[in-house]
Amino acid sequence: MSNIFRKLRTASRKSAGTRIEGTWVEGAATAFTFYGSLQPLTGKAMLSLPEGRRNRETYLIYTSTELMSVDVNGQLNPDIVVLNGNDFEIIQVEPWQNGIYSHYKAVASKKQVS
């Protein structure tokens, strides 16, 4: 995938957590960078999101780096990507591995502040 439209992005990935003597301990976060093109999500695509996410700021990210979503192989922690100074979690990833222009199409939704 060409770098013409992609910009350097920052993300973090947490390793799996564990229980130690009955207490939950979160996994360590590892920062990484990748090149990605950021596109707004269309209104029609917003309707396909789960109900609780439809009112959040959401983007498509096209990248040649595989990002992890909430549902990948039982992974509980999605990758967190920093976009416009805010944290966005990856909620969906579609691999487009056709051998000609292989890439990933990821959906990033703004993290809800708790």
PDB file of N, CA and C in Angstrom:
ATOM      1  N   MET A   1       0.857  -1.175   0.000  1.00  0.00           N
ATOM      2  CA  MET A   1       0.000   0.000   0.000  1.00  0.00           C
ATOM      3  C   MET A   1       0.897   1.230   0.000  1.00  0.00           C
ATOM      4  N   SER A   2       0.622   2.136  -0.873  1.00  0.00           N
ATOM      5  CA  SER A   2       1.439   3.329  -1.042  1.00  0.00           C
ATOM      6  C   SER A   2       1.361   4.251   0.168  1.00  0.00           C
ATOM      7  N   ASN A   3       2.445   4.966   0.462  1.00  0.00           N
ATOM      8  CA  ASN A   3       2.484   5.908   1.576  1.00  0.00           C
ATOM      9  C   ASN A   3       1.949   7.292   1.212  1.00  0.00           C
ATOM     10  N   ILE A   4       1.505   7.495  -0.020  1.00  0.00           N
ATOM     11  CA  ILE A   4       1.078   8.825  -0.464  1.00  0.00           C
ATOM     12  C   ILE A   4      -0.031   9.377   0.424  1.00  0.00           C
ATOM     13  N   PHE A   5      -1.036   8.555   0.740  1.00  0.00           N
ATOM     14  CA  PHE A   5      -2.183   9.031   1.494  1.00  0.00           C
ATOM     15  C   PHE A   5      -2.158   8.609   2.963  1.00  0.00           C
ATOM     16  N   ARG A   6      -1.149   7.855   3.336  1.00  0.00           N
ATOM     17  CA  ARG A   6      -1.085   7.378   4.712  1.00  0.00           C
ATOM     18  C   ARG A   6      -0.172   8.265   5.543  1.00  0.00           C
ATOM     19  N   LYS A   7      -0.531   8.406   6.813  1.00  0.00           N
ATOM     20  CA  LYS A   7       0.290   9.174   7.756  1.00  0.00           C
ATOM     21  C   LYS A   7       0.708   8.252   8.887  1.00  0.00           C
ATOM     22  N   LEU A   8       1.802   8.615   9.524  1.00  0.00           N
ATOM     23  CA  LEU A   8       2.282   7.847  10.658  1.00  0.00           C
ATOM     24  C   LEU A   8       1.305   8.007  11.823  1.00  0.00           C
ATOM     25  N   ARG A   9       0.844   6.903  12.374  1.00  0.00           N
ATOM     26  CA  ARG A   9      -0.115   6.888  13.480  1.00  0.00           C
ATOM     27  C   ARG A   9       0.517   6.167  14.672  1.00  0.00           C
ATOM     28  N   THR A  10       0.030   6.498  15.860  1.00  0.00           N
ATOM     29  CA  THR A  10       0.507   5.877  17.096  1.00  0.00           C
ATOM     30  C   THR A  10      -0.605   5.031  17.685  1.00  0.00           C
ATOM     31  N   ALA A  11      -0.251   3.866  18.191  1.00  0.00           N
ATOM     32  CA  ALA A  11      -1.230   2.969  18.798  1.00  0.00           C
ATOM     33  C   ALA A  11      -0.594   2.238  19.964  1.00  0.00           C
ATOM     34  N   SER A  12      -1.423   1.550  20.747  1.00  0.00           N
ATOM     35  CA  SER A  12      -0.911   0.698  21.819  1.00  0.00           C
ATOM     36  C   SER A  12      -1.721  -0.586  21.856  1.00  0.00           C
ATOM     37  N   ARG A  13      -1.062  -1.655  22.278  1.00  0.00           N
ATOM     38  CA  ARG A  13      -1.677  -2.980  22.364  1.00  0.00           C
ATOM     39  C   ARG A  13      -1.374  -3.549  23.743  1.00  0.00           C
ATOM     40  N   LYS A  14      -2.433  -3.968  24.451  1.00  0.00           N
ATOM     41  CA  LYS A  14      -2.250  -4.577  25.768  1.00  0.00           C
ATOM     42  C   LYS A  14      -2.143  -6.083  25.628  1.00  0.00           C
ATOM     43  N   SER A  15      -1.233  -6.655  26.369  1.00  0.00           N
ATOM     44  CA  SER A  15      -1.162  -8.110  26.424  1.00  0.00           C
ATOM     45  C   SER A  15      -2.313  -8.606  27.302  1.00  0.00           C
ATOM     46  N   ALA A  16      -2.567  -9.886  27.255  1.00  0.00           N
ATOM     47  CA  ALA A  16      -3.668 -10.453  28.033  1.00  0.00           C
ATOM     48  C   ALA A  16      -3.415 -10.275  29.529  1.00  0.00           C
ATOM     49  N   GLY A  17      -4.462  -9.986  30.271  1.00  0.00           N
ATOM     50  CA  GLY A  17      -4.361  -9.870  31.720  1.00  0.00           C
ATOM     51  C   GLY A  17      -4.410 -11.242  32.373  1.00  0.00           C
ATOM     52  N   THR A  18      -4.234 -11.272  33.679  1.00  0.00           N
ATOM     53  CA  THR A  18      -4.245 -12.537  34.410  1.00  0.00           C
ATOM     54  C   THR A  18      -4.692 -12.304  35.850  1.00  0.00           C
ATOM     55  N   ARG A  19      -5.059 -13.371  36.502  1.00  0.00           N
ATOM     56  CA  ARG A  19      -5.393 -13.300  37.927  1.00  0.00           C
ATOM     57  C   ARG A  19      -4.198 -13.778  38.739  1.00  0.00           C
ATOM     58  N   ILE A  20      -3.828 -12.968  39.726  1.00  0.00           N
ATOM     59  CA  ILE A  20      -2.748 -13.334  40.631  1.00  0.00           C
ATOM     60  C   ILE A  20      -3.331 -13.332  42.036  1.00  0.00           C
ATOM     61  N   GLU A  21      -3.375 -14.504  42.641  1.00  0.00           N
ATOM     62  CA  GLU A  21      -3.945 -14.686  43.978  1.00  0.00           C
ATOM     63  C   GLU A  21      -5.342 -14.062  44.082  1.00  0.00           C
ATOM     64  N   GLY A  22      -6.162 -14.278  43.024  1.00  0.00           N
ATOM     65  CA  GLY A  22      -7.538 -13.813  43.034  1.00  0.00           C
ATOM     66  C   GLY A  22      -7.746 -12.367  42.614  1.00  0.00           C
ATOM     67  N   THR A  23      -6.669 -11.642  42.333  1.00  0.00           N
ATOM     68  CA  THR A  23      -6.782 -10.243  41.937  1.00  0.00           C
ATOM     69  C   THR A  23      -6.461 -10.107  40.451  1.00  0.00           C
ATOM     70  N   TRP A  24      -7.331  -9.392  39.729  1.00  0.00           N
ATOM     71  CA  TRP A  24      -7.105  -9.188  38.300  1.00  0.00           C
ATOM     72  C   TRP A  24      -5.989  -8.177  38.079  1.00  0.00           C
ATOM     73  N   VAL A  25      -5.022  -8.543  37.234  1.00  0.00           N
ATOM     74  CA  VAL A  25      -3.906  -7.672  36.884  1.00  0.00           C
ATOM     75  C   VAL A  25      -3.933  -7.473  35.371  1.00  0.00           C
ATOM     76  N   GLU A  26      -4.088  -6.212  34.949  1.00  0.00           N
ATOM     77  CA  GLU A  26      -4.113  -5.892  33.518  1.00  0.00           C
ATOM     78  C   GLU A  26      -2.770  -6.216  32.875  1.00  0.00           C
ATOM     79  N   GLY A  27      -2.823  -6.568  31.590  1.00  0.00           N
ATOM     80  CA  GLY A  27      -1.604  -6.810  30.837  1.00  0.00           C
ATOM     81  C   GLY A  27      -0.879  -5.501  30.546  1.00  0.00           C
ATOM     82  N   ALA A  28       0.386  -5.600  30.237  1.00  0.00           N
ATOM     83  CA  ALA A  28       1.197  -4.412  29.942  1.00  0.00           C
ATOM     84  C   ALA A  28       0.864  -3.879  28.553  1.00  0.00           C
ATOM     85  N   ALA A  29       0.870  -2.569  28.400  1.00  0.00           N
ATOM     86  CA  ALA A  29       0.618  -1.928  27.110  1.00  0.00           C
ATOM     87  C   ALA A  29       1.939  -1.700  26.380  1.00  0.00           C
ATOM     88  N   THR A  30       1.936  -1.985  25.084  1.00  0.00           N
ATOM     89  CA  THR A  30       3.105  -1.776  24.242  1.00  0.00           C
ATOM     90  C   THR A  30       2.737  -0.790  23.140  1.00  0.00           C
ATOM     91  N   ALA A  31       3.488   0.287  23.027  1.00  0.00           N
ATOM     92  CA  ALA A  31       3.226   1.297  21.985  1.00  0.00           C
ATOM     93  C   ALA A  31       3.872   0.869  20.673  1.00  0.00           C
ATOM     94  N   PHE A  32       3.216   1.215  19.568  1.00  0.00           N
ATOM     95  CA  PHE A  32       3.788   0.971  18.248  1.00  0.00           C
ATOM     96  C   PHE A  32       3.256   2.028  17.279  1.00  0.00           C
ATOM     97  N   THR A  33       3.927   2.157  16.146  1.00  0.00           N
ATOM     98  CA  THR A  33       3.494   3.099  15.118  1.00  0.00           C
ATOM     99  C   THR A  33       3.197   2.325  13.840  1.00  0.00           C
ATOM    100  N   PHE A  34       2.357   2.915  13.002  1.00  0.00           N
ATOM    101  CA  PHE A  34       2.012   2.318  11.722  1.00  0.00           C
ATOM    102  C   PHE A  34       1.564   3.434  10.782  1.00  0.00           C
ATOM    103  N   TYR A  35       1.561   3.145   9.496  1.00  0.00           N
ATOM    104  CA  TYR A  35       1.054   4.100   8.516  1.00  0.00           C
ATOM    105  C   TYR A  35      -0.382   3.738   8.191  1.00  0.00           C
ATOM    106  N   GLY A  36      -1.266   4.747   8.218  1.00  0.00           N
ATOM    107  CA  GLY A  36      -2.670   4.505   7.920  1.00  0.00           C
ATOM    108  C   GLY A  36      -3.338   5.725   7.326  1.00  0.00           C
ATOM    109  N   SER A  37      -4.327   5.466   6.469  1.00  0.00           N
ATOM    110  CA  SER A  37      -5.149   6.513   5.882  1.00  0.00           C
ATOM    111  C   SER A  37      -6.450   6.585   6.670  1.00  0.00           C
ATOM    112  N   LEU A  38      -6.809   7.764   7.121  1.00  0.00           N
ATOM    113  CA  LEU A  38      -7.987   7.983   7.954  1.00  0.00           C
ATOM    114  C   LEU A  38      -9.121   8.520   7.090  1.00  0.00           C
ATOM    115  N   GLN A  39     -10.286   7.852   7.151  1.00  0.00           N
ATOM    116  CA  GLN A  39     -11.451   8.257   6.373  1.00  0.00           C
ATOM    117  C   GLN A  39     -12.668   8.311   7.296  1.00  0.00           C
ATOM    118  N   PRO A  40     -13.585   9.266   7.075  1.00  0.00           N
ATOM    119  CA  PRO A  40     -14.804   9.286   7.892  1.00  0.00           C
ATOM    120  C   PRO A  40     -15.704   8.104   7.538  1.00  0.00           C
ATOM    121  N   LEU A  41     -16.465   7.646   8.496  1.00  0.00           N
ATOM    122  CA  LEU A  41     -17.421   6.561   8.267  1.00  0.00           C
ATOM    123  C   LEU A  41     -18.700   7.166   7.696  1.00  0.00           C
ATOM    124  N   THR A  42     -19.264   6.543   6.683  1.00  0.00           N
ATOM    125  CA  THR A  42     -20.495   7.058   6.078  1.00  0.00           C
ATOM    126  C   THR A  42     -21.682   6.828   7.013  1.00  0.00           C
ATOM    127  N   GLY A  43     -22.757   7.573   6.787  1.00  0.00           N
ATOM    128  CA  GLY A  43     -23.965   7.402   7.595  1.00  0.00           C
ATOM    129  C   GLY A  43     -24.518   5.997   7.508  1.00  0.00           C
ATOM    130  N   LYS A  44     -24.499   5.418   6.312  1.00  0.00           N
ATOM    131  CA  LYS A  44     -24.994   4.044   6.127  1.00  0.00           C
ATOM    132  C   LYS A  44     -24.148   3.049   6.922  1.00  0.00           C
ATOM    133  N   ALA A  45     -22.832   3.234   6.897  1.00  0.00           N
ATOM    134  CA  ALA A  45     -21.939   2.348   7.652  1.00  0.00           C
ATOM    135  C   ALA A  45     -22.131   2.524   9.154  1.00  0.00           C
ATOM    136  N   MET A  46     -22.441   3.755   9.594  1.00  0.00           N
ATOM    137  CA  MET A  46     -22.689   4.004  11.024  1.00  0.00           C
ATOM    138  C   MET A  46     -23.876   3.179  11.518  1.00  0.00           C
ATOM    139  N   LEU A  47     -24.883   3.000  10.664  1.00  0.00           N
ATOM    140  CA  LEU A  47     -26.070   2.230  11.057  1.00  0.00           C
ATOM    141  C   LEU A  47     -25.760   0.758  11.278  1.00  0.00           C
ATOM    142  N   SER A  48     -24.671   0.264  10.686  1.00  0.00           N
ATOM    143  CA  SER A  48     -24.303  -1.145  10.867  1.00  0.00           C
ATOM    144  C   SER A  48     -23.530  -1.389  12.165  1.00  0.00           C
ATOM    145  N   LEU A  49     -23.166  -0.318  12.868  1.00  0.00           N
ATOM    146  CA  LEU A  49     -22.446  -0.454  14.143  1.00  0.00           C
ATOM    147  C   LEU A  49     -23.409  -0.873  15.249  1.00  0.00           C
ATOM    148  N   PRO A  50     -22.896  -1.487  16.307  1.00  0.00           N
ATOM    149  CA  PRO A  50     -23.749  -1.789  17.461  1.00  0.00           C
ATOM    150  C   PRO A  50     -24.376  -0.502  18.001  1.00  0.00           C
ATOM    151  N   GLU A  51     -25.575  -0.613  18.531  1.00  0.00           N
ATOM    152  CA  GLU A  51     -26.339   0.557  18.939  1.00  0.00           C
ATOM    153  C   GLU A  51     -25.580   1.519  19.850  1.00  0.00           C
ATOM    154  N   GLY A  52     -24.842   1.033  20.802  1.00  0.00           N
ATOM    155  CA  GLY A  52     -24.135   1.897  21.742  1.00  0.00           C
ATOM    156  C   GLY A  52     -22.977   2.675  21.137  1.00  0.00           C
ATOM    157  N   ARG A  53     -22.594   2.360  19.902  1.00  0.00           N
ATOM    158  CA  ARG A  53     -21.452   3.022  19.259  1.00  0.00           C
ATOM    159  C   ARG A  53     -21.866   3.978  18.149  1.00  0.00           C
ATOM    160  N   ARG A  54     -23.117   4.020  17.803  1.00  0.00           N
ATOM    161  CA  ARG A  54     -23.573   4.829  16.667  1.00  0.00           C
ATOM    162  C   ARG A  54     -23.450   6.327  16.899  1.00  0.00           C
ATOM    163  N   ASN A  55     -23.410   6.753  18.133  1.00  0.00           N
ATOM    164  CA  ASN A  55     -23.332   8.190  18.407  1.00  0.00           C
ATOM    165  C   ASN A  55     -21.907   8.649  18.716  1.00  0.00           C
ATOM    166  N   ARG A  56     -20.936   7.768  18.539  1.00  0.00           N
ATOM    167  CA  ARG A  56     -19.538   8.134  18.794  1.00  0.00           C
ATOM    168  C   ARG A  56     -18.827   8.526  17.503  1.00  0.00           C
ATOM    169  N   GLU A  57     -17.814   9.342  17.648  1.00  0.00           N
ATOM    170  CA  GLU A  57     -16.957   9.699  16.512  1.00  0.00           C
ATOM    171  C   GLU A  57     -16.259   8.422  16.038  1.00  0.00           C
ATOM    172  N   THR A  58     -16.389   8.113  14.747  1.00  0.00           N
ATOM    173  CA  THR A  58     -15.883   6.843  14.213  1.00  0.00           C
ATOM    174  C   THR A  58     -15.225   7.063  12.859  1.00  0.00           C
ATOM    175  N   TYR A  59     -14.112   6.357  12.629  1.00  0.00           N
ATOM    176  CA  TYR A  59     -13.360   6.485  11.384  1.00  0.00           C
ATOM    177  C   TYR A  59     -13.005   5.114  10.820  1.00  0.00           C
ATOM    178  N   LEU A  60     -12.729   5.089   9.526  1.00  0.00           N
ATOM    179  CA  LEU A  60     -12.121   3.933   8.880  1.00  0.00           C
ATOM    180  C   LEU A  60     -10.626   4.204   8.792  1.00  0.00           C
ATOM    181  N   ILE A  61      -9.834   3.177   9.018  1.00  0.00           N
ATOM    182  CA  ILE A  61      -8.390   3.282   8.863  1.00  0.00           C
ATOM    183  C   ILE A  61      -7.959   2.206   7.874  1.00  0.00           C
ATOM    184  N   TYR A  62      -7.314   2.619   6.788  1.00  0.00           N
ATOM    185  CA  TYR A  62      -6.751   1.686   5.825  1.00  0.00           C
ATOM    186  C   TYR A  62      -5.259   1.604   6.088  1.00  0.00           C
ATOM    187  N   THR A  63      -4.755   0.380   6.300  1.00  0.00           N
ATOM    188  CA  THR A  63      -3.360   0.200   6.668  1.00  0.00           C
ATOM    189  C   THR A  63      -2.853  -1.168   6.218  1.00  0.00           C
ATOM    190  N   SER A  64      -1.559  -1.314   6.090  1.00  0.00           N
ATOM    191  CA  SER A  64      -0.980  -2.621   5.789  1.00  0.00           C
ATOM    192  C   SER A  64      -0.559  -3.337   7.075  1.00  0.00           C
ATOM    193  N   THR A  65      -0.784  -2.697   8.223  1.00  0.00           N
ATOM    194  CA  THR A  65      -0.477  -3.284   9.528  1.00  0.00           C
ATOM    195  C   THR A  65      -1.755  -3.894  10.111  1.00  0.00           C
ATOM    196  N   GLU A  66      -1.681  -5.138  10.543  1.00  0.00           N
ATOM    197  CA  GLU A  66      -2.859  -5.770  11.137  1.00  0.00           C
ATOM    198  C   GLU A  66      -3.116  -5.179  12.523  1.00  0.00           C
ATOM    199  N   LEU A  67      -4.300  -4.639  12.716  1.00  0.00           N
ATOM    200  CA  LEU A  67      -4.718  -4.112  14.010  1.00  0.00           C
ATOM    201  C   LEU A  67      -5.650  -5.117  14.662  1.00  0.00           C
ATOM    202  N   MET A  68      -5.675  -5.133  15.987  1.00  0.00           N
ATOM    203  CA  MET A  68      -6.500  -6.082  16.730  1.00  0.00           C
ATOM    204  C   MET A  68      -7.788  -5.415  17.203  1.00  0.00           C
ATOM    205  N   SER A  69      -8.901  -6.104  16.996  1.00  0.00           N
ATOM    206  CA  SER A  69     -10.194  -5.593  17.459  1.00  0.00           C
ATOM    207  C   SER A  69     -10.620  -6.351  18.711  1.00  0.00           C
ATOM    208  N   VAL A  70     -11.767  -5.992  19.250  1.00  0.00           N
ATOM    209  CA  VAL A  70     -12.255  -6.616  20.483  1.00  0.00           C
ATOM    210  C   VAL A  70     -12.531  -8.094  20.323  1.00  0.00           C
ATOM    211  N   ASP A  71     -12.801  -8.579  19.116  1.00  0.00           N
ATOM    212  CA  ASP A  71     -13.225  -9.964  18.928  1.00  0.00           C
ATOM    213  C   ASP A  71     -12.177 -10.899  18.329  1.00  0.00           C
ATOM    214  N   VAL A  72     -10.971 -10.462  18.128  1.00  0.00           N
ATOM    215  CA  VAL A  72      -9.965 -11.284  17.464  1.00  0.00           C
ATOM    216  C   VAL A  72      -9.430 -12.352  18.416  1.00  0.00           C
ATOM    217  N   ASN A  73      -9.670 -13.623  18.061  1.00  0.00           N
ATOM    218  CA  ASN A  73      -9.144 -14.780  18.805  1.00  0.00           C
ATOM    219  C   ASN A  73      -9.365 -14.699  20.310  1.00  0.00           C
ATOM    220  N   GLY A  74     -10.515 -14.203  20.730  1.00  0.00           N
ATOM    221  CA  GLY A  74     -10.800 -14.116  22.157  1.00  0.00           C
ATOM    222  C   GLY A  74     -10.055 -13.007  22.864  1.00  0.00           C
ATOM    223  N   GLN A  75      -9.376 -12.151  22.113  1.00  0.00           N
ATOM    224  CA  GLN A  75      -8.644 -11.028  22.704  1.00  0.00           C
ATOM    225  C   GLN A  75      -9.641 -10.067  23.327  1.00  0.00           C
ATOM    226  N   LEU A  76      -9.446  -9.728  24.580  1.00  0.00           N
ATOM    227  CA  LEU A  76     -10.375  -8.843  25.261  1.00  0.00           C
ATOM    228  C   LEU A  76     -10.023  -7.377  25.080  1.00  0.00           C
ATOM    229  N   ASN A  77      -8.781  -7.093  24.813  1.00  0.00           N
ATOM    230  CA  ASN A  77      -8.327  -5.704  24.707  1.00  0.00           C
ATOM    231  C   ASN A  77      -8.067  -5.330  23.252  1.00  0.00           C
ATOM    232  N   PRO A  78      -8.848  -4.388  22.697  1.00  0.00           N
ATOM    233  CA  PRO A  78      -8.574  -3.946  21.333  1.00  0.00           C
ATOM    234  C   PRO A  78      -7.380  -2.992  21.306  1.00  0.00           C
ATOM    235  N   ASP A  79      -6.781  -2.843  20.131  1.00  0.00           N
ATOM    236  CA  ASP A  79      -5.737  -1.831  19.989  1.00  0.00           C
ATOM    237  C   ASP A  79      -6.363  -0.453  20.181  1.00  0.00           C
ATOM    238  N   ILE A  80      -5.585   0.455  20.769  1.00  0.00           N
ATOM    239  CA  ILE A  80      -6.006   1.841  20.971  1.00  0.00           C
ATOM    240  C   ILE A  80      -5.150   2.706  20.051  1.00  0.00           C
ATOM    241  N   VAL A  81      -5.806   3.481  19.189  1.00  0.00           N
ATOM    242  CA  VAL A  81      -5.122   4.344  18.225  1.00  0.00           C
ATOM    243  C   VAL A  81      -5.386   5.798  18.606  1.00  0.00           C
ATOM    244  N   VAL A  82      -4.342   6.623  18.558  1.00  0.00           N
ATOM    245  CA  VAL A  82      -4.493   8.049  18.852  1.00  0.00           C
ATOM    246  C   VAL A  82      -4.787   8.777  17.544  1.00  0.00           C
ATOM    247  N   LEU A  83      -5.979   9.397  17.472  1.00  0.00           N
ATOM    248  CA  LEU A  83      -6.395  10.161  16.301  1.00  0.00           C
ATOM    249  C   LEU A  83      -6.830  11.545  16.753  1.00  0.00           C
ATOM    250  N   ASN A  84      -6.248  12.560  16.180  1.00  0.00           N
ATOM    251  CA  ASN A  84      -6.595  13.947  16.521  1.00  0.00           C
ATOM    252  C   ASN A  84      -6.507  14.207  18.025  1.00  0.00           C
ATOM    253  N   GLY A  85      -5.549  13.570  18.697  1.00  0.00           N
ATOM    254  CA  GLY A  85      -5.330  13.789  20.122  1.00  0.00           C
ATOM    255  C   GLY A  85      -6.257  13.008  21.039  1.00  0.00           C
ATOM    256  N   ASN A  86      -7.117  12.137  20.483  1.00  0.00           N
ATOM    257  CA  ASN A  86      -8.050  11.342  21.286  1.00  0.00           C
ATOM    258  C   ASN A  86      -7.803   9.852  21.089  1.00  0.00           C
ATOM    259  N   ASP A  87      -8.184   9.058  22.085  1.00  0.00           N
ATOM    260  CA  ASP A  87      -8.036   7.608  22.003  1.00  0.00           C
ATOM    261  C   ASP A  87      -9.250   6.984  21.317  1.00  0.00           C
ATOM    262  N   PHE A  88      -8.969   6.126  20.333  1.00  0.00           N
ATOM    263  CA  PHE A  88      -9.999   5.392  19.609  1.00  0.00           C
ATOM    264  C   PHE A  88      -9.686   3.914  19.712  1.00  0.00           C
ATOM    265  N   GLU A  89     -10.712   3.088  19.959  1.00  0.00           N
ATOM    266  CA  GLU A  89     -10.475   1.655  20.019  1.00  0.00           C
ATOM    267  C   GLU A  89     -10.919   1.004  18.716  1.00  0.00           C
ATOM    268  N   ILE A  90     -10.165   0.000  18.311  1.00  0.00           N
ATOM    269  CA  ILE A  90     -10.471  -0.724  17.087  1.00  0.00           C
ATOM    270  C   ILE A  90     -11.611  -1.699  17.396  1.00  0.00           C
ATOM    271  N   ILE A  91     -12.725  -1.539  16.685  1.00  0.00           N
ATOM    272  CA  ILE A  91     -13.883  -2.385  16.967  1.00  0.00           C
ATOM    273  C   ILE A  91     -14.150  -3.411  15.877  1.00  0.00           C
ATOM    274  N   GLN A  92     -13.499  -3.246  14.725  1.00  0.00           N
ATOM    275  CA  GLN A  92     -13.706  -4.191  13.632  1.00  0.00           C
ATOM    276  C   GLN A  92     -12.519  -4.122  12.681  1.00  0.00           C
ATOM    277  N   VAL A  93     -12.102  -5.276  12.157  1.00  0.00           N
ATOM    278  CA  VAL A  93     -11.004  -5.318  11.188  1.00  0.00           C
ATOM    279  C   VAL A  93     -11.398  -6.275  10.063  1.00  0.00           C
ATOM    280  N   GLU A  94     -11.237  -5.819   8.821  1.00  0.00           N
ATOM    281  CA  GLU A  94     -11.478  -6.663   7.653  1.00  0.00           C
ATOM    282  C   GLU A  94     -10.167  -6.809   6.883  1.00  0.00           C
ATOM    283  N   PRO A  95      -9.671  -8.050   6.746  1.00  0.00           N
ATOM    284  CA  PRO A  95      -8.455  -8.244   5.946  1.00  0.00           C
ATOM    285  C   PRO A  95      -8.791  -8.246   4.451  1.00  0.00           C
ATOM    286  N   TRP A  96      -8.055  -7.490   3.670  1.00  0.00           N
ATOM    287  CA  TRP A  96      -8.187  -7.469   2.219  1.00  0.00           C
ATOM    288  C   TRP A  96      -6.850  -7.935   1.661  1.00  0.00           C
ATOM    289  N   GLN A  97      -6.640  -9.241   1.625  1.00  0.00           N
ATOM    290  CA  GLN A  97      -5.363  -9.835   1.238  1.00  0.00           C
ATOM    291  C   GLN A  97      -5.484 -10.482  -0.136  1.00  0.00           C
ATOM    292  N   ASN A  98      -5.583  -9.655  -1.171  1.00  0.00           N
ATOM    293  CA  ASN A  98      -5.781 -10.171  -2.528  1.00  0.00           C
ATOM    294  C   ASN A  98      -4.476 -10.387  -3.290  1.00  0.00           C
ATOM    295  N   GLY A  99      -3.346 -10.067  -2.694  1.00  0.00           N
ATOM    296  CA  GLY A  99      -2.055 -10.267  -3.340  1.00  0.00           C
ATOM    297  C   GLY A  99      -1.663  -9.152  -4.301  1.00  0.00           C
ATOM    298  N   ILE A 100      -2.579  -8.251  -4.595  1.00  0.00           N
ATOM    299  CA  ILE A 100      -2.284  -7.133  -5.492  1.00  0.00           C
ATOM    300  C   ILE A 100      -2.092  -5.863  -4.675  1.00  0.00           C
ATOM    301  N   TYR A 101      -3.053  -5.582  -3.816  1.00  0.00           N
ATOM    302  CA  TYR A 101      -3.040  -4.376  -2.999  1.00  0.00           C
ATOM    303  C   TYR A 101      -3.510  -4.767  -1.597  1.00  0.00           C
ATOM    304  N   SER A 102      -2.788  -5.660  -0.959  1.00  0.00           N
ATOM    305  CA  SER A 102      -3.191  -6.221   0.324  1.00  0.00           C
ATOM    306  C   SER A 102      -3.159  -5.159   1.418  1.00  0.00           C
ATOM    307  N   HIS A 103      -4.230  -5.125   2.224  1.00  0.00           N
ATOM    308  CA  HIS A 103      -4.329  -4.150   3.305  1.00  0.00           C
ATOM    309  C   HIS A 103      -5.405  -4.596   4.294  1.00  0.00           C
ATOM    310  N   TYR A 104      -5.568  -3.815   5.346  1.00  0.00           N
ATOM    311  CA  TYR A 104      -6.609  -4.041   6.340  1.00  0.00           C
ATOM    312  C   TYR A 104      -7.480  -2.801   6.416  1.00  0.00           C
ATOM    313  N   LYS A 105      -8.779  -3.028   6.579  1.00  0.00           N
ATOM    314  CA  LYS A 105      -9.742  -1.942   6.747  1.00  0.00           C
ATOM    315  C   LYS A 105     -10.262  -2.066   8.180  1.00  0.00           C
ATOM    316  N   ALA A 106      -9.907  -1.094   9.017  1.00  0.00           N
ATOM    317  CA  ALA A 106     -10.272  -1.150  10.439  1.00  0.00           C
ATOM    318  C   ALA A 106     -11.244  -0.033  10.765  1.00  0.00           C
ATOM    319  N   VAL A 107     -12.157  -0.320  11.688  1.00  0.00           N
ATOM    320  CA  VAL A 107     -13.098   0.687  12.169  1.00  0.00           C
ATOM    321  C   VAL A 107     -12.650   1.085  13.572  1.00  0.00           C
ATOM    322  N   ALA A 108     -12.439   2.384  13.768  1.00  0.00           N
ATOM    323  CA  ALA A 108     -11.988   2.919  15.062  1.00  0.00           C
ATOM    324  C   ALA A 108     -13.067   3.814  15.640  1.00  0.00           C
ATOM    325  N   SER A 109     -13.466   3.538  16.877  1.00  0.00           N
ATOM    326  CA  SER A 109     -14.525   4.292  17.548  1.00  0.00           C
ATOM    327  C   SER A 109     -13.938   4.992  18.761  1.00  0.00           C
ATOM    328  N   LYS A 110     -14.314   6.257  18.963  1.00  0.00           N
ATOM    329  CA  LYS A 110     -13.760   7.032  20.076  1.00  0.00           C
ATOM    330  C   LYS A 110     -14.102   6.353  21.392  1.00  0.00           C
ATOM    331  N   LYS A 111     -13.080   6.223  22.238  1.00  0.00           N
ATOM    332  CA  LYS A 111     -13.272   5.603  23.547  1.00  0.00           C
ATOM    333  C   LYS A 111     -14.170   6.457  24.416  1.00  0.00           C
ATOM    334  N   GLN A 112     -15.076   5.784  25.084  1.00  0.00           N
ATOM    335  CA  GLN A 112     -15.962   6.476  25.990  1.00  0.00           C
ATOM    336  C   GLN A 112     -15.200   6.807  27.272  1.00  0.00           C
ATOM    337  N   VAL A 113     -15.301   8.028  27.717  1.00  0.00           N
ATOM    338  CA  VAL A 113     -14.610   8.448  28.939  1.00  0.00           C
ATOM    339  C   VAL A 113     -15.396   7.944  30.128  1.00  0.00           C
ATOM    340  N   SER A 114     -14.707   7.205  31.003  1.00  0.00           N
ATOM    341  CA  SER A 114     -15.422   6.650  32.176  1.00  0.00           C
ATOM    342  C   SER A 114     -15.091   7.393  33.433  1.00  0.00           C
TER     343      SER A 114
END
